[in-house]
Amino acid sequence: MGKQFNSISDDLMEFISSQKMYFVGTAGDSGKVNISPKGMDSLNVIDSNRVIWLNVTGSGNETSAHVQENPRMTLMFCSFEGKPMILRLYGNAAVIHRNDREWEELSQLLPDIPGARQIFDLDVELVQISCGMSVPFYDYLGEREQLKEWALKKGAQGVQKYWEKNNQVSLDGKPTNIMEKNT
């Protein structure tokens, strides 16, 4: 049976910090719903109602487009080892681009990952836990390094050219504003 809370408790913060992967769900006012897996130790719980995470360069940029149109976001964590649990954080998020004034302060609270393109700042309104007894066990073998290596090889200008070509609009043609914020 699921339980709901108004904030992230200390034991849930501990659970979050032990997870190697999480999932982000967003949707604009219309169009496709997006769910993305995330890793790379790219998330930080700031306090019981605020979470930030670093978005690195990928093939698309759906989350940014969605949040700028409709700030709803859900983060989901699953226990793949130990006691079963699913944790969802529901709230409203803001996207912070590299040239936004908040970037400098918030980026200090996250790892320095090559190819980082946005920070998402989630105001958590609802915390829900459920059993997770149907989630299978998985063994963590390590982080994949290909994306970091790709970004380092491209360099800052090469990554920016990639954003220009591949990350300016969502699948539904909605703007991500990545170039307007990074020129």
C-alpha atoms as a PDB file:
ATOM      1  CA  MET A   1       0.000   0.000   0.000  1.00  0.00           C
ATOM      2  CA  GLY A   2       1.410   3.383  -0.963  1.00  0.00           C
ATOM      3  CA  LYS A   3       2.068   6.202   1.478  1.00  0.00           C
ATOM      4  CA  GLN A   4       2.174   9.920   0.782  1.00  0.00           C
ATOM      5  CA  PHE A   5       4.106  12.706   2.478  1.00  0.00           C
ATOM      6  CA  ASN A   6       4.504  16.474   2.091  1.00  0.00           C
ATOM      7  CA  SER A   7       8.300  16.335   2.184  1.00  0.00           C
ATOM      8  CA  ILE A   8      11.345  14.090   1.818  1.00  0.00           C
ATOM      9  CA  SER A   9      12.275  12.560   5.170  1.00  0.00           C
ATOM     10  CA  ASP A  10      15.855  11.881   6.236  1.00  0.00           C
ATOM     11  CA  ASP A  11      15.485   8.133   5.587  1.00  0.00           C
ATOM     12  CA  LEU A  12      14.137   8.822   2.077  1.00  0.00           C
ATOM     13  CA  MET A  13      17.036  11.225   1.437  1.00  0.00           C
ATOM     14  CA  GLU A  14      19.353   8.372   2.373  1.00  0.00           C
ATOM     15  CA  PHE A  15      17.489   6.049   0.000  1.00  0.00           C
ATOM     16  CA  ILE A  16      17.821   8.602  -2.826  1.00  0.00           C
ATOM     17  CA  SER A  17      21.540   9.063  -2.228  1.00  0.00           C
ATOM     18  CA  SER A  18      22.115   5.308  -2.473  1.00  0.00           C
ATOM     19  CA  GLN A  19      20.420   4.984  -5.883  1.00  0.00           C
ATOM     20  CA  LYS A  20      22.590   4.761  -8.984  1.00  0.00           C
ATOM     21  CA  MET A  21      19.755   5.592 -11.387  1.00  0.00           C
ATOM     22  CA  TYR A  22      16.495   7.526 -11.411  1.00  0.00           C
ATOM     23  CA  PHE A  23      13.822   8.359 -13.957  1.00  0.00           C
ATOM     24  CA  VAL A  24      12.399  11.760 -14.973  1.00  0.00           C
ATOM     25  CA  GLY A  25       8.864  12.161 -16.311  1.00  0.00           C
ATOM     26  CA  THR A  26       7.601  15.346 -18.009  1.00  0.00           C
ATOM     27  CA  ALA A  27       4.949  16.429 -20.503  1.00  0.00           C
ATOM     28  CA  GLY A  28       4.070  19.654 -22.235  1.00  0.00           C
ATOM     29  CA  ASP A  29       0.515  20.950 -22.516  1.00  0.00           C
ATOM     30  CA  SER A  30       0.083  18.616 -25.494  1.00  0.00           C
ATOM     31  CA  GLY A  31       2.179  16.119 -27.383  1.00  0.00           C
ATOM     32  CA  LYS A  32       4.312  13.257 -26.185  1.00  0.00           C
ATOM     33  CA  VAL A  33       5.037  12.335 -22.567  1.00  0.00           C
ATOM     34  CA  ASN A  34       8.760  11.833 -21.919  1.00  0.00           C
ATOM     35  CA  ILE A  35      10.430   9.474 -19.453  1.00  0.00           C
ATOM     36  CA  SER A  36      14.220   9.542 -19.252  1.00  0.00           C
ATOM     37  CA  PRO A  37      16.645   7.429 -17.217  1.00  0.00           C
ATOM     38  CA  LYS A  38      19.394   9.387 -15.453  1.00  0.00           C
ATOM     39  CA  GLY A  39      22.587   8.456 -13.661  1.00  0.00           C
ATOM     40  CA  MET A  40      26.156   9.753 -13.242  1.00  0.00           C
ATOM     41  CA  ASP A  41      25.504  10.809  -9.633  1.00  0.00           C
ATOM     42  CA  SER A  42      23.860  13.905 -11.118  1.00  0.00           C
ATOM     43  CA  LEU A  43      21.241  14.638  -8.431  1.00  0.00           C
ATOM     44  CA  ASN A  44      21.359  16.529  -5.129  1.00  0.00           C
ATOM     45  CA  VAL A  45      18.626  16.765  -2.495  1.00  0.00           C
ATOM     46  CA  ILE A  46      18.953  20.370  -1.272  1.00  0.00           C
ATOM     47  CA  ASP A  47      16.342  20.070   1.466  1.00  0.00           C
ATOM     48  CA  SER A  48      13.132  18.216   2.263  1.00  0.00           C
ATOM     49  CA  ASN A  49      11.243  19.918  -0.594  1.00  0.00           C
ATOM     50  CA  ARG A  50      13.913  20.787  -3.137  1.00  0.00           C
ATOM     51  CA  VAL A  51      15.945  18.605  -5.497  1.00  0.00           C
ATOM     52  CA  ILE A  52      18.299  19.693  -8.264  1.00  0.00           C
ATOM     53  CA  TRP A  53      19.770  17.546 -11.005  1.00  0.00           C
ATOM     54  CA  LEU A  54      22.191  18.048 -13.854  1.00  0.00           C
ATOM     55  CA  ASN A  55      21.021  17.303 -17.386  1.00  0.00           C
ATOM     56  CA  VAL A  56      23.792  16.242 -19.732  1.00  0.00           C
ATOM     57  CA  THR A  57      23.776  16.351 -23.520  1.00  0.00           C
ATOM     58  CA  GLY A  58      21.679  13.690 -25.173  1.00  0.00           C
ATOM     59  CA  SER A  59      20.054  12.908 -28.476  1.00  0.00           C
ATOM     60  CA  GLY A  60      16.975  14.941 -27.552  1.00  0.00           C
ATOM     61  CA  ASN A  61      16.067  17.720 -25.132  1.00  0.00           C
ATOM     62  CA  GLU A  62      12.454  16.893 -24.283  1.00  0.00           C
ATOM     63  CA  THR A  63      12.628  17.680 -20.575  1.00  0.00           C
ATOM     64  CA  SER A  64      13.747  21.252 -21.179  1.00  0.00           C
ATOM     65  CA  ALA A  65      11.022  21.948 -23.737  1.00  0.00           C
ATOM     66  CA  HIS A  66       8.345  20.397 -21.530  1.00  0.00           C
ATOM     67  CA  VAL A  67       9.304  22.191 -18.310  1.00  0.00           C
ATOM     68  CA  GLN A  68       9.380  25.572 -20.048  1.00  0.00           C
ATOM     69  CA  GLU A  69       5.825  24.964 -21.272  1.00  0.00           C
ATOM     70  CA  ASN A  70       4.461  23.104 -18.256  1.00  0.00           C
ATOM     71  CA  PRO A  71       6.596  22.828 -15.102  1.00  0.00           C
ATOM     72  CA  ARG A  72       5.170  19.497 -13.853  1.00  0.00           C
ATOM     73  CA  MET A  73       7.847  16.886 -13.205  1.00  0.00           C
ATOM     74  CA  THR A  74       8.013  13.496 -11.526  1.00  0.00           C
ATOM     75  CA  LEU A  75      11.240  11.841 -10.397  1.00  0.00           C
ATOM     76  CA  MET A  76      11.096   8.100  -9.714  1.00  0.00           C
ATOM     77  CA  PHE A  77      13.617   5.955  -7.868  1.00  0.00           C
ATOM     78  CA  CYS A  78      13.457   2.125  -7.676  1.00  0.00           C
ATOM     79  CA  SER A  79      15.297  -0.131  -5.314  1.00  0.00           C
ATOM     80  CA  PHE A  80      17.091  -2.711  -7.458  1.00  0.00           C
ATOM     81  CA  GLU A  81      18.838  -4.244  -4.445  1.00  0.00           C
ATOM     82  CA  GLY A  82      17.931  -4.719  -0.798  1.00  0.00           C
ATOM     83  CA  LYS A  83      14.477  -3.867   0.509  1.00  0.00           C
ATOM     84  CA  PRO A  84      11.945  -3.244  -2.290  1.00  0.00           C
ATOM     85  CA  MET A  85      10.642   0.322  -2.683  1.00  0.00           C
ATOM     86  CA  ILE A  86       9.538   2.781  -5.331  1.00  0.00           C
ATOM     87  CA  LEU A  87       9.815   6.475  -4.475  1.00  0.00           C
ATOM     88  CA  ARG A  88       8.213   9.230  -6.524  1.00  0.00           C
ATOM     89  CA  LEU A  89       8.763  12.966  -6.108  1.00  0.00           C
ATOM     90  CA  TYR A  90       6.045  15.118  -7.666  1.00  0.00           C
ATOM     91  CA  GLY A  91       6.391  18.845  -8.157  1.00  0.00           C
ATOM     92  CA  ASN A  92       7.107  21.781 -10.385  1.00  0.00           C
ATOM     93  CA  ALA A  93      10.514  22.372 -11.914  1.00  0.00           C
ATOM     94  CA  ALA A  94      12.439  25.218 -13.448  1.00  0.00           C
ATOM     95  CA  VAL A  95      15.119  24.792 -16.098  1.00  0.00           C
ATOM     96  CA  ILE A  96      18.360  26.671 -15.565  1.00  0.00           C
ATOM     97  CA  HIS A  97      20.587  27.120 -18.617  1.00  0.00           C
ATOM     98  CA  ARG A  98      24.348  27.735 -18.434  1.00  0.00           C
ATOM     99  CA  ASN A  99      24.037  31.511 -18.831  1.00  0.00           C
ATOM    100  CA  ASP A 100      21.204  31.948 -16.329  1.00  0.00           C
ATOM    101  CA  ARG A 101      22.241  33.718 -13.130  1.00  0.00           C
ATOM    102  CA  GLU A 102      21.355  30.679 -10.948  1.00  0.00           C
ATOM    103  CA  TRP A 103      23.734  28.377 -12.876  1.00  0.00           C
ATOM    104  CA  GLU A 104      26.904  29.397 -11.039  1.00  0.00           C
ATOM    105  CA  GLU A 105      25.452  28.827  -7.565  1.00  0.00           C
ATOM    106  CA  LEU A 106      23.623  25.569  -8.340  1.00  0.00           C
ATOM    107  CA  SER A 107      26.386  24.043 -10.462  1.00  0.00           C
ATOM    108  CA  GLN A 108      28.653  24.153  -7.393  1.00  0.00           C
ATOM    109  CA  LEU A 109      26.274  21.666  -5.734  1.00  0.00           C
ATOM    110  CA  LEU A 110      26.519  19.116  -8.567  1.00  0.00           C
ATOM    111  CA  PRO A 111      29.358  17.150 -10.159  1.00  0.00           C
ATOM    112  CA  ASP A 112      31.272  18.753 -13.021  1.00  0.00           C
ATOM    113  CA  ILE A 113      30.240  16.522 -15.931  1.00  0.00           C
ATOM    114  CA  PRO A 114      31.421  17.267 -19.484  1.00  0.00           C
ATOM    115  CA  GLY A 115      28.514  18.134 -21.774  1.00  0.00           C
ATOM    116  CA  ALA A 116      26.252  19.424 -18.982  1.00  0.00           C
ATOM    117  CA  ARG A 117      23.572  21.574 -20.592  1.00  0.00           C
ATOM    118  CA  GLN A 118      20.906  22.379 -17.962  1.00  0.00           C
ATOM    119  CA  ILE A 119      20.109  22.116 -14.280  1.00  0.00           C
ATOM    120  CA  PHE A 120      16.583  21.302 -13.217  1.00  0.00           C
ATOM    121  CA  ASP A 121      15.359  22.695  -9.904  1.00  0.00           C
ATOM    122  CA  LEU A 122      12.384  20.721  -8.581  1.00  0.00           C
ATOM    123  CA  ASP A 123      10.075  22.113  -5.906  1.00  0.00           C
ATOM    124  CA  VAL A 124       8.713  18.890  -4.382  1.00  0.00           C
ATOM    125  CA  GLU A 125       5.005  19.076  -3.506  1.00  0.00           C
ATOM    126  CA  LEU A 126       4.249  15.394  -2.904  1.00  0.00           C
ATOM    127  CA  VAL A 127       6.368  12.385  -1.950  1.00  0.00           C
ATOM    128  CA  GLN A 128       4.957   8.911  -2.518  1.00  0.00           C
ATOM    129  CA  ILE A 129       6.394   5.529  -1.660  1.00  0.00           C
ATOM    130  CA  SER A 130       5.055   2.162  -2.758  1.00  0.00           C
ATOM    131  CA  CYS A 131       6.171  -1.420  -2.274  1.00  0.00           C
ATOM    132  CA  GLY A 132       8.190  -2.138  -5.408  1.00  0.00           C
ATOM    133  CA  MET A 133       7.898  -5.879  -4.831  1.00  0.00           C
ATOM    134  CA  SER A 134       7.602  -6.555  -8.574  1.00  0.00           C
ATOM    135  CA  VAL A 135      10.850  -4.690  -9.425  1.00  0.00           C
ATOM    136  CA  PRO A 136      13.578  -7.271 -10.162  1.00  0.00           C
ATOM    137  CA  PHE A 137      17.038  -7.311  -8.598  1.00  0.00           C
ATOM    138  CA  TYR A 138      19.847  -5.851 -10.691  1.00  0.00           C
ATOM    139  CA  ASP A 139      23.552  -5.639  -9.982  1.00  0.00           C
ATOM    140  CA  TYR A 140      25.317  -2.309 -10.396  1.00  0.00           C
ATOM    141  CA  LEU A 141      28.481  -2.826 -12.432  1.00  0.00           C
ATOM    142  CA  GLY A 142      29.615   0.773 -12.826  1.00  0.00           C
ATOM    143  CA  GLU A 143      29.050   3.973 -14.747  1.00  0.00           C
ATOM    144  CA  ARG A 144      29.222   4.151 -18.521  1.00  0.00           C
ATOM    145  CA  GLU A 145      31.933   6.598 -19.568  1.00  0.00           C
ATOM    146  CA  GLN A 146      31.034   6.970 -23.269  1.00  0.00           C
ATOM    147  CA  LEU A 147      29.022  10.190 -22.906  1.00  0.00           C
ATOM    148  CA  LYS A 148      31.738  11.921 -20.882  1.00  0.00           C
ATOM    149  CA  GLU A 149      34.383  10.777 -23.363  1.00  0.00           C
ATOM    150  CA  TRP A 150      32.252  11.960 -26.295  1.00  0.00           C
ATOM    151  CA  ALA A 151      31.803  15.425 -24.749  1.00  0.00           C
ATOM    152  CA  LEU A 152      35.501  15.750 -23.915  1.00  0.00           C
ATOM    153  CA  LYS A 153      36.465  14.742 -27.443  1.00  0.00           C
ATOM    154  CA  LYS A 154      34.012  17.230 -28.998  1.00  0.00           C
ATOM    155  CA  GLY A 155      35.093  20.075 -26.706  1.00  0.00           C
ATOM    156  CA  ALA A 156      32.849  22.928 -25.614  1.00  0.00           C
ATOM    157  CA  GLN A 157      32.403  24.346 -29.151  1.00  0.00           C
ATOM    158  CA  GLY A 158      31.680  20.921 -30.611  1.00  0.00           C
ATOM    159  CA  VAL A 159      29.075  20.196 -27.949  1.00  0.00           C
ATOM    160  CA  GLN A 160      27.461  23.576 -28.589  1.00  0.00           C
ATOM    161  CA  LYS A 161      27.299  22.804 -32.331  1.00  0.00           C
ATOM    162  CA  TYR A 162      25.646  19.493 -31.443  1.00  0.00           C
ATOM    163  CA  TRP A 163      23.066  21.377 -29.325  1.00  0.00           C
ATOM    164  CA  GLU A 164      22.455  23.733 -32.254  1.00  0.00           C
ATOM    165  CA  LYS A 165      21.825  20.821 -34.606  1.00  0.00           C
ATOM    166  CA  ASN A 166      20.026  18.354 -32.308  1.00  0.00           C
ATOM    167  CA  ASN A 167      18.730  19.975 -29.111  1.00  0.00           C
ATOM    168  CA  GLN A 168      16.814  23.126 -30.085  1.00  0.00           C
ATOM    169  CA  VAL A 169      13.340  21.600 -30.367  1.00  0.00           C
ATOM    170  CA  SER A 170      11.485  18.675 -28.843  1.00  0.00           C
ATOM    171  CA  LEU A 171       9.969  15.781 -30.787  1.00  0.00           C
ATOM    172  CA  ASP A 172       6.789  17.871 -30.967  1.00  0.00           C
ATOM    173  CA  GLY A 173       8.668  20.933 -32.297  1.00  0.00           C
ATOM    174  CA  LYS A 174       8.586  22.833 -28.993  1.00  0.00           C
ATOM    175  CA  PRO A 175      11.544  25.148 -28.310  1.00  0.00           C
ATOM    176  CA  THR A 176      14.155  24.232 -25.700  1.00  0.00           C
ATOM    177  CA  ASN A 177      15.793  27.693 -25.818  1.00  0.00           C
ATOM    178  CA  ILE A 178      19.192  26.100 -25.402  1.00  0.00           C
ATOM    179  CA  MET A 179      20.879  28.304 -27.992  1.00  0.00           C
ATOM    180  CA  GLU A 180      19.216  31.530 -26.855  1.00  0.00           C
ATOM    181  CA  LYS A 181      20.597  30.829 -23.384  1.00  0.00           C
ATOM    182  CA  ASN A 182      24.044  29.658 -24.484  1.00  0.00           C
ATOM    183  CA  THR A 183      25.226  32.148 -27.089  1.00  0.00           C
END
